[in-house]
Amino acid sequence: MSVSACSASSASSTVLYIKHMVCPRGIRVVRQKLEQLGLVVLDVRLGAATVAASAEELDWPRIRAVLRQAEFALLENAPQALLERVKEAVGQLLRQPAGLRHREFLAAVAEELHLPAAHLNVVFARLSPGATLAGYILGQRLAYAQELLASSKLGIGHIARQLGYSSLAHFSGQFRRVARCSPSTYRQRLGAPKQPVAVGVAVEVPNDAS
């Protein structure tokens, strides 16, 4: 693997693009593994780690092997690395306890990656022909809705609010287009438990999720 294929470097530091860093624990593990190799780690964030060494000074086979043992992987090229970082950021932000409002979602992904949202849109469209980042985010939201319906006791209204929908009708309409049935029917078919949202509990209504 050439140096330029998996890193971006300056005279004194190198950025490693790393796949499967999807949670804070993953970030901690990557830092620990790199430090165990004797590297000075300047920064670790979702999908990337910066070390205080030039690319030429790094022992790439050893780094690759240590990360692979921890179930991570160096990405082969910078554009693909960015695409993976975008996808991992979407998954991580989607699963935050407080959830995210749809209108803030792309901005939150851009902030997480320290890149302009417009640039992320362009990269995603270039590397995913026929797809858009907004469409990918919507698909991931509805896939997570299916996961919550199957594995949790959350009420359907609660799930809709957590995913950023302003109304149950809007959520149900989008869910039907993907699953070919309503959220309640989907849950019944799976035999998942159902827990109504508690009456009288004030819940903030998020922005429109269209």
N, C-alpha and C. Protein backbone atom coordinates (compact mmCIF):
# COMPACT_ATOMS: atom_id res chain seq x y z
N MET A 1 0.86 -1.20 0.00
CA MET A 1 0.00 0.00 0.00
C MET A 1 0.88 1.23 0.00
N SER A 2 0.66 2.16 -0.90
CA SER A 2 1.43 3.38 -0.89
C SER A 2 0.98 4.26 0.26
N VAL A 3 1.90 5.14 0.67
CA VAL A 3 1.57 6.03 1.78
C VAL A 3 0.36 6.88 1.45
N SER A 4 0.30 7.40 0.23
CA SER A 4 -0.80 8.29 -0.14
C SER A 4 -2.14 7.57 -0.19
N ALA A 5 -2.13 6.27 -0.23
CA ALA A 5 -3.37 5.51 -0.34
C ALA A 5 -4.14 5.45 0.95
N CYS A 6 -3.49 5.63 2.08
CA CYS A 6 -4.21 5.46 3.34
C CYS A 6 -3.96 6.58 4.33
N SER A 7 -3.31 7.64 3.92
CA SER A 7 -3.01 8.69 4.87
C SER A 7 -2.91 10.04 4.19
N ALA A 8 -3.04 11.09 5.02
CA ALA A 8 -2.72 12.43 4.57
C ALA A 8 -1.68 12.94 5.55
N SER A 9 -0.59 13.52 5.05
CA SER A 9 0.49 13.86 5.97
C SER A 9 1.03 15.25 5.73
N SER A 10 1.61 15.82 6.78
CA SER A 10 2.38 17.05 6.69
C SER A 10 3.79 16.68 7.10
N ALA A 11 4.64 17.69 7.28
CA ALA A 11 6.03 17.41 7.61
C ALA A 11 6.18 16.72 8.95
N SER A 12 5.26 16.97 9.88
CA SER A 12 5.44 16.44 11.23
C SER A 12 4.28 15.59 11.73
N SER A 13 3.25 15.41 10.94
CA SER A 13 2.12 14.60 11.39
C SER A 13 1.48 13.86 10.22
N THR A 14 0.77 12.79 10.55
CA THR A 14 0.11 11.98 9.53
C THR A 14 -1.29 11.62 10.01
N VAL A 15 -2.27 11.72 9.12
CA VAL A 15 -3.64 11.33 9.44
C VAL A 15 -3.88 9.92 8.91
N LEU A 16 -4.31 9.03 9.78
CA LEU A 16 -4.67 7.68 9.39
C LEU A 16 -6.19 7.59 9.29
N TYR A 17 -6.70 7.11 8.17
CA TYR A 17 -8.14 6.93 8.00
C TYR A 17 -8.48 5.50 8.37
N ILE A 18 -9.39 5.36 9.33
CA ILE A 18 -9.64 4.05 9.95
C ILE A 18 -11.12 3.72 9.90
N LYS A 19 -11.42 2.51 9.47
CA LYS A 19 -12.80 2.03 9.35
C LYS A 19 -13.24 1.33 10.62
N HIS A 20 -14.55 1.39 10.90
CA HIS A 20 -15.23 0.71 12.01
C HIS A 20 -15.09 1.44 13.35
N MET A 21 -14.70 2.71 13.33
CA MET A 21 -14.71 3.51 14.56
C MET A 21 -16.09 4.14 14.69
N VAL A 22 -17.01 3.45 15.35
CA VAL A 22 -18.40 3.88 15.34
C VAL A 22 -18.91 4.36 16.69
N CYS A 23 -18.05 4.42 17.70
CA CYS A 23 -18.51 4.82 19.03
C CYS A 23 -17.33 5.35 19.82
N PRO A 24 -17.60 6.02 20.95
CA PRO A 24 -16.50 6.52 21.79
C PRO A 24 -15.53 5.44 22.23
N ARG A 25 -16.05 4.23 22.48
CA ARG A 25 -15.15 3.14 22.87
C ARG A 25 -14.15 2.83 21.76
N GLY A 26 -14.63 2.82 20.50
CA GLY A 26 -13.75 2.58 19.38
C GLY A 26 -12.65 3.62 19.29
N ILE A 27 -13.00 4.86 19.55
CA ILE A 27 -12.01 5.94 19.53
C ILE A 27 -10.96 5.70 20.61
N ARG A 28 -11.39 5.29 21.80
CA ARG A 28 -10.44 5.03 22.89
C ARG A 28 -9.53 3.87 22.55
N VAL A 29 -10.09 2.81 21.98
CA VAL A 29 -9.29 1.63 21.65
C VAL A 29 -8.24 1.96 20.60
N VAL A 30 -8.61 2.72 19.58
CA VAL A 30 -7.66 3.10 18.54
C VAL A 30 -6.52 3.90 19.15
N ARG A 31 -6.83 4.84 20.01
CA ARG A 31 -5.79 5.63 20.67
C ARG A 31 -4.84 4.71 21.46
N GLN A 32 -5.41 3.79 22.21
CA GLN A 32 -4.59 2.87 23.01
C GLN A 32 -3.68 2.03 22.13
N LYS A 33 -4.22 1.50 21.04
CA LYS A 33 -3.44 0.63 20.16
C LYS A 33 -2.29 1.40 19.52
N LEU A 34 -2.55 2.62 19.08
CA LEU A 34 -1.50 3.41 18.46
C LEU A 34 -0.43 3.81 19.48
N GLU A 35 -0.85 4.14 20.69
CA GLU A 35 0.12 4.49 21.73
C GLU A 35 0.96 3.29 22.14
N GLN A 36 0.35 2.09 22.10
CA GLN A 36 1.12 0.88 22.41
C GLN A 36 2.22 0.64 21.39
N LEU A 37 2.06 1.18 20.19
CA LEU A 37 3.09 1.07 19.16
C LEU A 37 4.18 2.12 19.34
N GLY A 38 4.04 2.95 20.37
CA GLY A 38 5.03 3.99 20.63
C GLY A 38 4.78 5.28 19.87
N LEU A 39 3.61 5.41 19.27
CA LEU A 39 3.28 6.61 18.52
C LEU A 39 2.74 7.70 19.43
N VAL A 40 3.04 8.93 19.10
CA VAL A 40 2.46 10.08 19.81
C VAL A 40 1.17 10.44 19.08
N VAL A 41 0.04 10.22 19.75
CA VAL A 41 -1.26 10.45 19.13
C VAL A 41 -1.71 11.88 19.43
N LEU A 42 -1.86 12.66 18.39
CA LEU A 42 -2.27 14.07 18.55
C LEU A 42 -3.77 14.22 18.64
N ASP A 43 -4.51 13.36 17.94
CA ASP A 43 -5.96 13.50 17.92
C ASP A 43 -6.57 12.21 17.38
N VAL A 44 -7.72 11.83 17.94
CA VAL A 44 -8.49 10.71 17.41
C VAL A 44 -9.94 11.14 17.37
N ARG A 45 -10.55 11.04 16.23
CA ARG A 45 -11.97 11.36 16.09
C ARG A 45 -12.58 10.32 15.16
N LEU A 46 -13.86 10.41 14.95
CA LEU A 46 -14.57 9.42 14.17
C LEU A 46 -13.92 9.20 12.81
N GLY A 47 -13.37 8.00 12.59
CA GLY A 47 -12.83 7.65 11.29
C GLY A 47 -11.41 8.10 11.00
N ALA A 48 -10.75 8.77 11.94
CA ALA A 48 -9.40 9.27 11.65
C ALA A 48 -8.61 9.45 12.92
N ALA A 49 -7.29 9.25 12.81
CA ALA A 49 -6.38 9.49 13.92
C ALA A 49 -5.16 10.22 13.39
N THR A 50 -4.68 11.21 14.11
CA THR A 50 -3.50 11.97 13.72
C THR A 50 -2.35 11.64 14.65
N VAL A 51 -1.22 11.25 14.08
CA VAL A 51 -0.04 10.90 14.88
C VAL A 51 1.10 11.84 14.53
N ALA A 52 1.99 12.05 15.51
CA ALA A 52 3.11 12.98 15.35
C ALA A 52 4.30 12.27 14.71
N ALA A 53 4.19 12.02 13.43
CA ALA A 53 5.28 11.40 12.67
C ALA A 53 4.97 11.58 11.19
N SER A 54 6.02 11.65 10.39
CA SER A 54 5.79 11.72 8.95
C SER A 54 5.37 10.35 8.44
N ALA A 55 4.74 10.30 7.29
CA ALA A 55 4.29 9.03 6.73
C ALA A 55 5.46 8.08 6.49
N GLU A 56 6.60 8.65 6.11
CA GLU A 56 7.77 7.81 5.84
C GLU A 56 8.32 7.14 7.08
N GLU A 57 8.08 7.73 8.25
CA GLU A 57 8.60 7.18 9.50
C GLU A 57 7.74 6.04 10.06
N LEU A 58 6.53 5.90 9.58
CA LEU A 58 5.60 4.95 10.18
C LEU A 58 5.83 3.53 9.68
N ASP A 59 5.60 2.58 10.58
CA ASP A 59 5.68 1.15 10.24
C ASP A 59 4.27 0.71 9.83
N TRP A 60 3.94 0.89 8.56
CA TRP A 60 2.58 0.66 8.09
C TRP A 60 2.11 -0.78 8.28
N PRO A 61 2.91 -1.80 7.96
CA PRO A 61 2.45 -3.18 8.18
C PRO A 61 2.10 -3.45 9.63
N ARG A 62 2.90 -2.92 10.56
CA ARG A 62 2.64 -3.14 11.98
C ARG A 62 1.37 -2.43 12.42
N ILE A 63 1.20 -1.19 11.96
CA ILE A 63 -0.02 -0.44 12.30
C ILE A 63 -1.24 -1.17 11.77
N ARG A 64 -1.15 -1.61 10.52
CA ARG A 64 -2.27 -2.30 9.90
C ARG A 64 -2.62 -3.58 10.67
N ALA A 65 -1.60 -4.33 11.08
CA ALA A 65 -1.82 -5.60 11.79
C ALA A 65 -2.45 -5.36 13.16
N VAL A 66 -1.96 -4.35 13.89
CA VAL A 66 -2.50 -4.07 15.23
C VAL A 66 -3.96 -3.62 15.14
N LEU A 67 -4.25 -2.78 14.18
CA LEU A 67 -5.64 -2.32 14.02
C LEU A 67 -6.55 -3.47 13.59
N ARG A 68 -6.04 -4.34 12.72
CA ARG A 68 -6.85 -5.47 12.29
C ARG A 68 -7.17 -6.40 13.46
N GLN A 69 -6.22 -6.61 14.36
CA GLN A 69 -6.46 -7.45 15.53
C GLN A 69 -7.56 -6.88 16.41
N ALA A 70 -7.68 -5.55 16.42
CA ALA A 70 -8.72 -4.89 17.21
C ALA A 70 -10.00 -4.68 16.40
N GLU A 71 -10.08 -5.30 15.21
CA GLU A 71 -11.25 -5.25 14.33
C GLU A 71 -11.48 -3.88 13.71
N PHE A 72 -10.37 -3.18 13.45
CA PHE A 72 -10.41 -1.94 12.68
C PHE A 72 -9.65 -2.18 11.38
N ALA A 73 -9.68 -1.19 10.48
CA ALA A 73 -8.96 -1.36 9.22
C ALA A 73 -8.56 0.00 8.66
N LEU A 74 -7.35 0.06 8.10
CA LEU A 74 -6.94 1.26 7.39
C LEU A 74 -7.68 1.31 6.06
N LEU A 75 -8.18 2.47 5.71
CA LEU A 75 -8.88 2.62 4.44
C LEU A 75 -7.87 2.92 3.33
N GLU A 76 -8.20 2.49 2.11
CA GLU A 76 -7.24 2.47 1.03
C GLU A 76 -7.08 3.80 0.28
N ASN A 77 -8.07 4.65 0.32
CA ASN A 77 -7.92 5.94 -0.36
C ASN A 77 -8.72 7.00 0.36
N ALA A 78 -8.29 8.24 0.25
CA ALA A 78 -8.88 9.32 1.02
C ALA A 78 -10.35 9.58 0.72
N PRO A 79 -10.79 9.63 -0.56
CA PRO A 79 -12.23 9.84 -0.81
C PRO A 79 -13.10 8.74 -0.21
N GLN A 80 -12.68 7.48 -0.37
CA GLN A 80 -13.45 6.38 0.21
C GLN A 80 -13.44 6.46 1.73
N ALA A 81 -12.31 6.91 2.28
CA ALA A 81 -12.21 7.08 3.72
C ALA A 81 -13.22 8.10 4.21
N LEU A 82 -13.34 9.20 3.47
CA LEU A 82 -14.30 10.23 3.86
C LEU A 82 -15.73 9.70 3.78
N LEU A 83 -16.03 8.93 2.74
CA LEU A 83 -17.37 8.37 2.62
C LEU A 83 -17.69 7.48 3.81
N GLU A 84 -16.73 6.65 4.23
CA GLU A 84 -16.95 5.78 5.38
C GLU A 84 -17.11 6.60 6.65
N ARG A 85 -16.35 7.68 6.77
CA ARG A 85 -16.48 8.54 7.95
C ARG A 85 -17.86 9.19 8.00
N VAL A 86 -18.38 9.59 6.84
CA VAL A 86 -19.73 10.16 6.79
C VAL A 86 -20.75 9.14 7.27
N LYS A 87 -20.65 7.91 6.77
CA LYS A 87 -21.61 6.87 7.15
C LYS A 87 -21.51 6.54 8.64
N GLU A 88 -20.29 6.49 9.15
CA GLU A 88 -20.13 6.19 10.57
C GLU A 88 -20.65 7.32 11.44
N ALA A 89 -20.46 8.57 10.98
CA ALA A 89 -20.98 9.72 11.73
C ALA A 89 -22.50 9.69 11.77
N VAL A 90 -23.13 9.35 10.64
CA VAL A 90 -24.59 9.27 10.60
C VAL A 90 -25.08 8.22 11.60
N GLY A 91 -24.47 7.05 11.59
CA GLY A 91 -24.87 5.98 12.51
C GLY A 91 -24.68 6.36 13.96
N GLN A 92 -23.55 6.99 14.26
CA GLN A 92 -23.28 7.38 15.64
C GLN A 92 -24.25 8.45 16.13
N LEU A 93 -24.47 9.48 15.32
CA LEU A 93 -25.35 10.57 15.72
C LEU A 93 -26.80 10.10 15.83
N LEU A 94 -27.21 9.21 14.94
CA LEU A 94 -28.57 8.69 14.96
C LEU A 94 -28.88 7.99 16.27
N ARG A 95 -27.88 7.33 16.83
CA ARG A 95 -28.09 6.52 18.03
C ARG A 95 -27.79 7.24 19.32
N GLN A 96 -27.55 8.53 19.26
CA GLN A 96 -27.40 9.30 20.49
C GLN A 96 -28.73 9.30 21.25
N PRO A 97 -28.67 9.19 22.57
CA PRO A 97 -29.91 9.08 23.36
C PRO A 97 -30.95 10.15 23.07
N ALA A 98 -30.50 11.38 22.86
CA ALA A 98 -31.45 12.47 22.65
C ALA A 98 -32.00 12.50 21.23
N GLY A 99 -31.40 11.76 20.33
CA GLY A 99 -31.85 11.80 18.94
C GLY A 99 -31.47 13.12 18.27
N LEU A 100 -31.80 13.26 17.01
CA LEU A 100 -31.48 14.47 16.27
C LEU A 100 -32.66 14.90 15.42
N ARG A 101 -32.86 16.19 15.33
CA ARG A 101 -33.89 16.71 14.43
C ARG A 101 -33.36 16.69 13.02
N HIS A 102 -34.25 16.37 12.08
CA HIS A 102 -33.81 16.16 10.70
C HIS A 102 -33.11 17.38 10.13
N ARG A 103 -33.61 18.56 10.40
CA ARG A 103 -33.01 19.76 9.81
C ARG A 103 -31.62 20.02 10.36
N GLU A 104 -31.29 19.45 11.47
CA GLU A 104 -29.97 19.65 12.06
C GLU A 104 -29.02 18.50 11.74
N PHE A 105 -29.53 17.44 11.15
CA PHE A 105 -28.75 16.22 11.03
C PHE A 105 -27.52 16.41 10.15
N LEU A 106 -27.68 16.93 8.96
CA LEU A 106 -26.54 17.10 8.06
C LEU A 106 -25.53 18.08 8.65
N ALA A 107 -26.03 19.14 9.28
CA ALA A 107 -25.13 20.10 9.92
C ALA A 107 -24.34 19.43 11.04
N ALA A 108 -24.99 18.53 11.77
CA ALA A 108 -24.31 17.82 12.86
C ALA A 108 -23.23 16.89 12.32
N VAL A 109 -23.52 16.22 11.21
CA VAL A 109 -22.51 15.35 10.58
C VAL A 109 -21.32 16.18 10.12
N ALA A 110 -21.60 17.32 9.49
CA ALA A 110 -20.53 18.19 9.02
C ALA A 110 -19.68 18.70 10.18
N GLU A 111 -20.34 19.05 11.28
CA GLU A 111 -19.61 19.53 12.45
C GLU A 111 -18.74 18.42 13.05
N GLU A 112 -19.27 17.21 13.08
CA GLU A 112 -18.53 16.07 13.61
C GLU A 112 -17.25 15.82 12.82
N LEU A 113 -17.34 16.00 11.51
CA LEU A 113 -16.20 15.72 10.64
C LEU A 113 -15.36 16.96 10.32
N HIS A 114 -15.81 18.13 10.82
CA HIS A 114 -15.08 19.38 10.60
C HIS A 114 -14.92 19.69 9.11
N LEU A 115 -16.01 19.47 8.37
CA LEU A 115 -16.01 19.74 6.94
C LEU A 115 -17.33 20.40 6.55
N PRO A 116 -17.35 21.21 5.49
CA PRO A 116 -18.60 21.85 5.06
C PRO A 116 -19.62 20.83 4.59
N ALA A 117 -20.88 21.07 4.90
CA ALA A 117 -21.94 20.16 4.47
C ALA A 117 -21.99 20.04 2.96
N ALA A 118 -21.75 21.13 2.25
CA ALA A 118 -21.78 21.10 0.79
C ALA A 118 -20.71 20.15 0.25
N HIS A 119 -19.56 20.13 0.86
CA HIS A 119 -18.48 19.23 0.43
C HIS A 119 -18.88 17.78 0.66
N LEU A 120 -19.51 17.49 1.78
CA LEU A 120 -19.96 16.12 2.07
C LEU A 120 -21.00 15.68 1.05
N ASN A 121 -21.90 16.57 0.68
CA ASN A 121 -22.91 16.23 -0.34
C ASN A 121 -22.25 15.86 -1.67
N VAL A 122 -21.24 16.63 -2.06
CA VAL A 122 -20.55 16.40 -3.33
C VAL A 122 -19.81 15.06 -3.31
N VAL A 123 -19.08 14.81 -2.23
CA VAL A 123 -18.31 13.56 -2.11
C VAL A 123 -19.25 12.36 -2.12
N PHE A 124 -20.34 12.45 -1.38
CA PHE A 124 -21.28 11.33 -1.31
C PHE A 124 -21.87 11.04 -2.69
N ALA A 125 -22.28 12.07 -3.39
CA ALA A 125 -22.88 11.88 -4.72
C ALA A 125 -21.87 11.32 -5.71
N ARG A 126 -20.62 11.74 -5.59
CA ARG A 126 -19.58 11.28 -6.52
C ARG A 126 -19.27 9.80 -6.31
N LEU A 127 -19.24 9.36 -5.06
CA LEU A 127 -18.86 7.99 -4.75
C LEU A 127 -20.06 7.04 -4.64
N SER A 128 -21.26 7.59 -4.63
CA SER A 128 -22.47 6.76 -4.57
C SER A 128 -23.41 7.18 -5.69
N PRO A 129 -23.10 6.78 -6.92
CA PRO A 129 -23.90 7.21 -8.08
C PRO A 129 -25.39 6.93 -7.89
N GLY A 130 -26.19 7.93 -8.20
CA GLY A 130 -27.63 7.78 -8.10
C GLY A 130 -28.18 7.98 -6.71
N ALA A 131 -27.31 8.24 -5.74
CA ALA A 131 -27.75 8.42 -4.35
C ALA A 131 -27.40 9.82 -3.87
N THR A 132 -28.08 10.25 -2.83
CA THR A 132 -27.77 11.54 -2.20
C THR A 132 -27.55 11.31 -0.72
N LEU A 133 -26.84 12.22 -0.08
CA LEU A 133 -26.60 12.09 1.35
C LEU A 133 -27.91 12.22 2.12
N ALA A 134 -28.79 13.11 1.68
CA ALA A 134 -30.09 13.25 2.35
C ALA A 134 -30.87 11.94 2.27
N GLY A 135 -30.83 11.29 1.10
CA GLY A 135 -31.52 10.02 0.95
C GLY A 135 -30.91 8.93 1.81
N TYR A 136 -29.58 8.95 1.93
CA TYR A 136 -28.92 7.96 2.78
C TYR A 136 -29.32 8.16 4.25
N ILE A 137 -29.34 9.41 4.68
CA ILE A 137 -29.73 9.70 6.07
C ILE A 137 -31.16 9.23 6.33
N LEU A 138 -32.06 9.49 5.38
CA LEU A 138 -33.44 9.04 5.54
C LEU A 138 -33.51 7.52 5.63
N GLY A 139 -32.77 6.84 4.77
CA GLY A 139 -32.77 5.38 4.80
C GLY A 139 -32.26 4.83 6.11
N GLN A 140 -31.22 5.47 6.66
CA GLN A 140 -30.67 5.02 7.93
C GLN A 140 -31.64 5.29 9.08
N ARG A 141 -32.36 6.40 9.01
CA ARG A 141 -33.36 6.70 10.05
C ARG A 141 -34.44 5.63 10.08
N LEU A 142 -34.92 5.25 8.88
CA LEU A 142 -36.00 4.27 8.83
C LEU A 142 -35.48 2.87 9.17
N ALA A 143 -34.24 2.56 8.81
CA ALA A 143 -33.67 1.27 9.20
C ALA A 143 -33.53 1.20 10.72
N TYR A 144 -33.16 2.30 11.33
CA TYR A 144 -33.05 2.33 12.80
C TYR A 144 -34.44 2.23 13.43
N ALA A 145 -35.44 2.82 12.77
CA ALA A 145 -36.81 2.69 13.26
C ALA A 145 -37.22 1.21 13.30
N GLN A 146 -36.88 0.47 12.25
CA GLN A 146 -37.17 -0.96 12.22
C GLN A 146 -36.46 -1.69 13.36
N GLU A 147 -35.22 -1.29 13.59
CA GLU A 147 -34.45 -1.90 14.69
C GLU A 147 -35.11 -1.65 16.04
N LEU A 148 -35.55 -0.40 16.26
CA LEU A 148 -36.19 -0.06 17.54
C LEU A 148 -37.53 -0.76 17.69
N LEU A 149 -38.28 -0.86 16.62
CA LEU A 149 -39.57 -1.54 16.68
C LEU A 149 -39.39 -3.02 17.00
N ALA A 150 -38.32 -3.60 16.50
CA ALA A 150 -38.08 -5.03 16.69
C ALA A 150 -37.50 -5.36 18.05
N SER A 151 -36.69 -4.45 18.61
CA SER A 151 -35.90 -4.82 19.79
C SER A 151 -36.21 -4.05 21.06
N SER A 152 -37.03 -2.99 20.96
CA SER A 152 -37.28 -2.17 22.14
C SER A 152 -38.76 -2.18 22.52
N LYS A 153 -39.05 -1.63 23.69
CA LYS A 153 -40.42 -1.49 24.16
C LYS A 153 -40.93 -0.06 23.98
N LEU A 154 -40.18 0.75 23.27
CA LEU A 154 -40.59 2.14 23.06
C LEU A 154 -41.88 2.21 22.25
N GLY A 155 -42.75 3.13 22.63
CA GLY A 155 -43.96 3.35 21.87
C GLY A 155 -43.64 3.91 20.49
N ILE A 156 -44.52 3.69 19.53
CA ILE A 156 -44.27 4.13 18.17
C ILE A 156 -44.16 5.66 18.10
N GLY A 157 -44.98 6.35 18.85
CA GLY A 157 -44.89 7.81 18.89
C GLY A 157 -43.56 8.27 19.43
N HIS A 158 -43.07 7.59 20.44
CA HIS A 158 -41.77 7.93 21.02
C HIS A 158 -40.65 7.72 20.00
N ILE A 159 -40.72 6.63 19.26
CA ILE A 159 -39.72 6.34 18.24
C ILE A 159 -39.73 7.42 17.17
N ALA A 160 -40.94 7.83 16.75
CA ALA A 160 -41.06 8.87 15.73
C ALA A 160 -40.40 10.16 16.21
N ARG A 161 -40.65 10.55 17.46
CA ARG A 161 -40.05 11.77 17.99
C ARG A 161 -38.55 11.64 18.12
N GLN A 162 -38.07 10.48 18.56
CA GLN A 162 -36.64 10.28 18.73
C GLN A 162 -35.91 10.40 17.39
N LEU A 163 -36.56 9.98 16.32
CA LEU A 163 -35.95 10.05 15.00
C LEU A 163 -36.16 11.40 14.32
N GLY A 164 -36.83 12.33 15.00
CA GLY A 164 -36.94 13.69 14.48
C GLY A 164 -38.17 13.99 13.68
N TYR A 165 -39.21 13.16 13.77
CA TYR A 165 -40.44 13.41 13.02
C TYR A 165 -41.37 14.30 13.83
N SER A 166 -41.99 15.25 13.15
CA SER A 166 -42.88 16.18 13.84
C SER A 166 -44.27 15.60 14.05
N SER A 167 -44.57 14.51 13.33
CA SER A 167 -45.88 13.89 13.51
C SER A 167 -45.79 12.39 13.28
N LEU A 168 -46.67 11.65 13.95
CA LEU A 168 -46.72 10.21 13.77
C LEU A 168 -47.15 9.86 12.35
N ALA A 169 -48.04 10.69 11.77
CA ALA A 169 -48.52 10.42 10.42
C ALA A 169 -47.38 10.51 9.40
N HIS A 170 -46.52 11.51 9.57
CA HIS A 170 -45.39 11.67 8.65
C HIS A 170 -44.44 10.48 8.76
N PHE A 171 -44.14 10.08 9.99
CA PHE A 171 -43.27 8.92 10.21
C PHE A 171 -43.89 7.66 9.60
N SER A 172 -45.16 7.45 9.87
CA SER A 172 -45.84 6.24 9.37
C SER A 172 -45.85 6.21 7.84
N GLY A 173 -46.07 7.38 7.22
CA GLY A 173 -46.11 7.43 5.76
C GLY A 173 -44.77 7.04 5.16
N GLN A 174 -43.68 7.58 5.70
CA GLN A 174 -42.35 7.23 5.18
C GLN A 174 -42.01 5.77 5.48
N PHE A 175 -42.42 5.31 6.66
CA PHE A 175 -42.14 3.92 7.03
C PHE A 175 -42.85 2.95 6.09
N ARG A 176 -44.10 3.25 5.74
CA ARG A 176 -44.87 2.39 4.84
C ARG A 176 -44.19 2.24 3.48
N ARG A 177 -43.58 3.33 2.99
CA ARG A 177 -42.96 3.28 1.68
C ARG A 177 -41.75 2.35 1.67
N VAL A 178 -41.13 2.17 2.82
CA VAL A 178 -39.95 1.30 2.91
C VAL A 178 -40.33 -0.12 3.29
N ALA A 179 -41.15 -0.27 4.33
CA ALA A 179 -41.46 -1.59 4.87
C ALA A 179 -42.72 -2.21 4.28
N ARG A 180 -43.49 -1.44 3.51
CA ARG A 180 -44.74 -1.92 2.91
C ARG A 180 -45.80 -2.27 3.94
N CYS A 181 -45.68 -1.70 5.12
CA CYS A 181 -46.70 -1.87 6.16
C CYS A 181 -46.51 -0.78 7.19
N SER A 182 -47.48 -0.61 8.08
CA SER A 182 -47.38 0.41 9.11
C SER A 182 -46.39 -0.02 10.18
N PRO A 183 -45.89 0.92 10.99
CA PRO A 183 -44.99 0.55 12.09
C PRO A 183 -45.61 -0.45 13.06
N SER A 184 -46.89 -0.26 13.37
CA SER A 184 -47.55 -1.17 14.31
C SER A 184 -47.66 -2.58 13.74
N THR A 185 -48.00 -2.68 12.45
CA THR A 185 -48.09 -3.99 11.80
C THR A 185 -46.71 -4.65 11.75
N TYR A 186 -45.69 -3.86 11.46
CA TYR A 186 -44.32 -4.39 11.42
C TYR A 186 -43.94 -5.00 12.77
N ARG A 187 -44.27 -4.28 13.84
CA ARG A 187 -43.95 -4.79 15.19
C ARG A 187 -44.76 -6.04 15.51
N GLN A 188 -46.02 -6.04 15.15
CA GLN A 188 -46.87 -7.21 15.43
C GLN A 188 -46.37 -8.45 14.71
N ARG A 189 -45.91 -8.26 13.47
CA ARG A 189 -45.40 -9.40 12.72
C ARG A 189 -44.16 -10.01 13.36
N LEU A 190 -43.38 -9.16 14.01
CA LEU A 190 -42.16 -9.64 14.66
C LEU A 190 -42.42 -10.15 16.07
N GLY A 191 -43.61 -9.85 16.60
CA GLY A 191 -43.92 -10.27 17.96
C GLY A 191 -43.17 -9.49 19.01
N ALA A 192 -42.73 -8.26 18.65
CA ALA A 192 -41.98 -7.45 19.61
C ALA A 192 -42.92 -6.84 20.64
N PRO A 193 -42.45 -6.64 21.88
CA PRO A 193 -43.30 -6.04 22.92
C PRO A 193 -43.61 -4.59 22.61
N LYS A 194 -44.71 -4.15 23.10
CA LYS A 194 -45.17 -2.78 22.84
C LYS A 194 -45.44 -2.08 24.16
N GLN A 195 -44.92 -0.87 24.29
CA GLN A 195 -45.12 -0.10 25.51
C GLN A 195 -45.65 1.28 25.15
N PRO A 196 -46.88 1.63 25.53
CA PRO A 196 -47.42 2.93 25.18
C PRO A 196 -46.62 4.05 25.82
N VAL A 197 -46.59 5.20 25.14
CA VAL A 197 -45.97 6.37 25.72
C VAL A 197 -46.81 6.84 26.90
N ALA A 198 -46.17 7.15 28.02
CA ALA A 198 -46.89 7.53 29.23
C ALA A 198 -47.72 8.78 29.01
N VAL A 199 -48.96 8.75 29.46
CA VAL A 199 -49.86 9.89 29.33
C VAL A 199 -49.44 10.97 30.31
N GLY A 200 -49.47 12.23 29.83
CA GLY A 200 -49.17 13.34 30.71
C GLY A 200 -47.71 13.71 30.77
N VAL A 201 -46.85 12.99 30.06
CA VAL A 201 -45.44 13.33 30.04
C VAL A 201 -45.19 14.31 28.91
N ALA A 202 -44.63 15.46 29.25
CA ALA A 202 -44.39 16.47 28.23
C ALA A 202 -43.19 16.07 27.40
N VAL A 203 -43.37 16.07 26.09
CA VAL A 203 -42.29 15.73 25.18
C VAL A 203 -42.14 16.86 24.17
N GLU A 204 -40.92 17.35 23.99
CA GLU A 204 -40.68 18.42 23.04
C GLU A 204 -40.94 17.93 21.62
N VAL A 205 -41.69 18.68 20.86
CA VAL A 205 -41.98 18.32 19.47
C VAL A 205 -40.87 18.84 18.59
N PRO A 206 -40.18 17.98 17.84
CA PRO A 206 -39.06 18.43 17.01
C PRO A 206 -39.51 19.14 15.76
N ASN A 207 -38.53 19.67 15.03
CA ASN A 207 -38.83 20.34 13.77
C ASN A 207 -39.34 19.35 12.74
N ASP A 208 -39.86 19.89 11.66
CA ASP A 208 -40.37 19.05 10.57
C ASP A 208 -39.27 18.14 10.05
N ALA A 209 -39.60 16.89 9.82
CA ALA A 209 -38.60 15.91 9.38
C ALA A 209 -38.66 15.65 7.89
N SER A 210 -39.30 16.53 7.15
CA SER A 210 -39.42 16.31 5.71
C SER A 210 -38.10 16.56 5.02
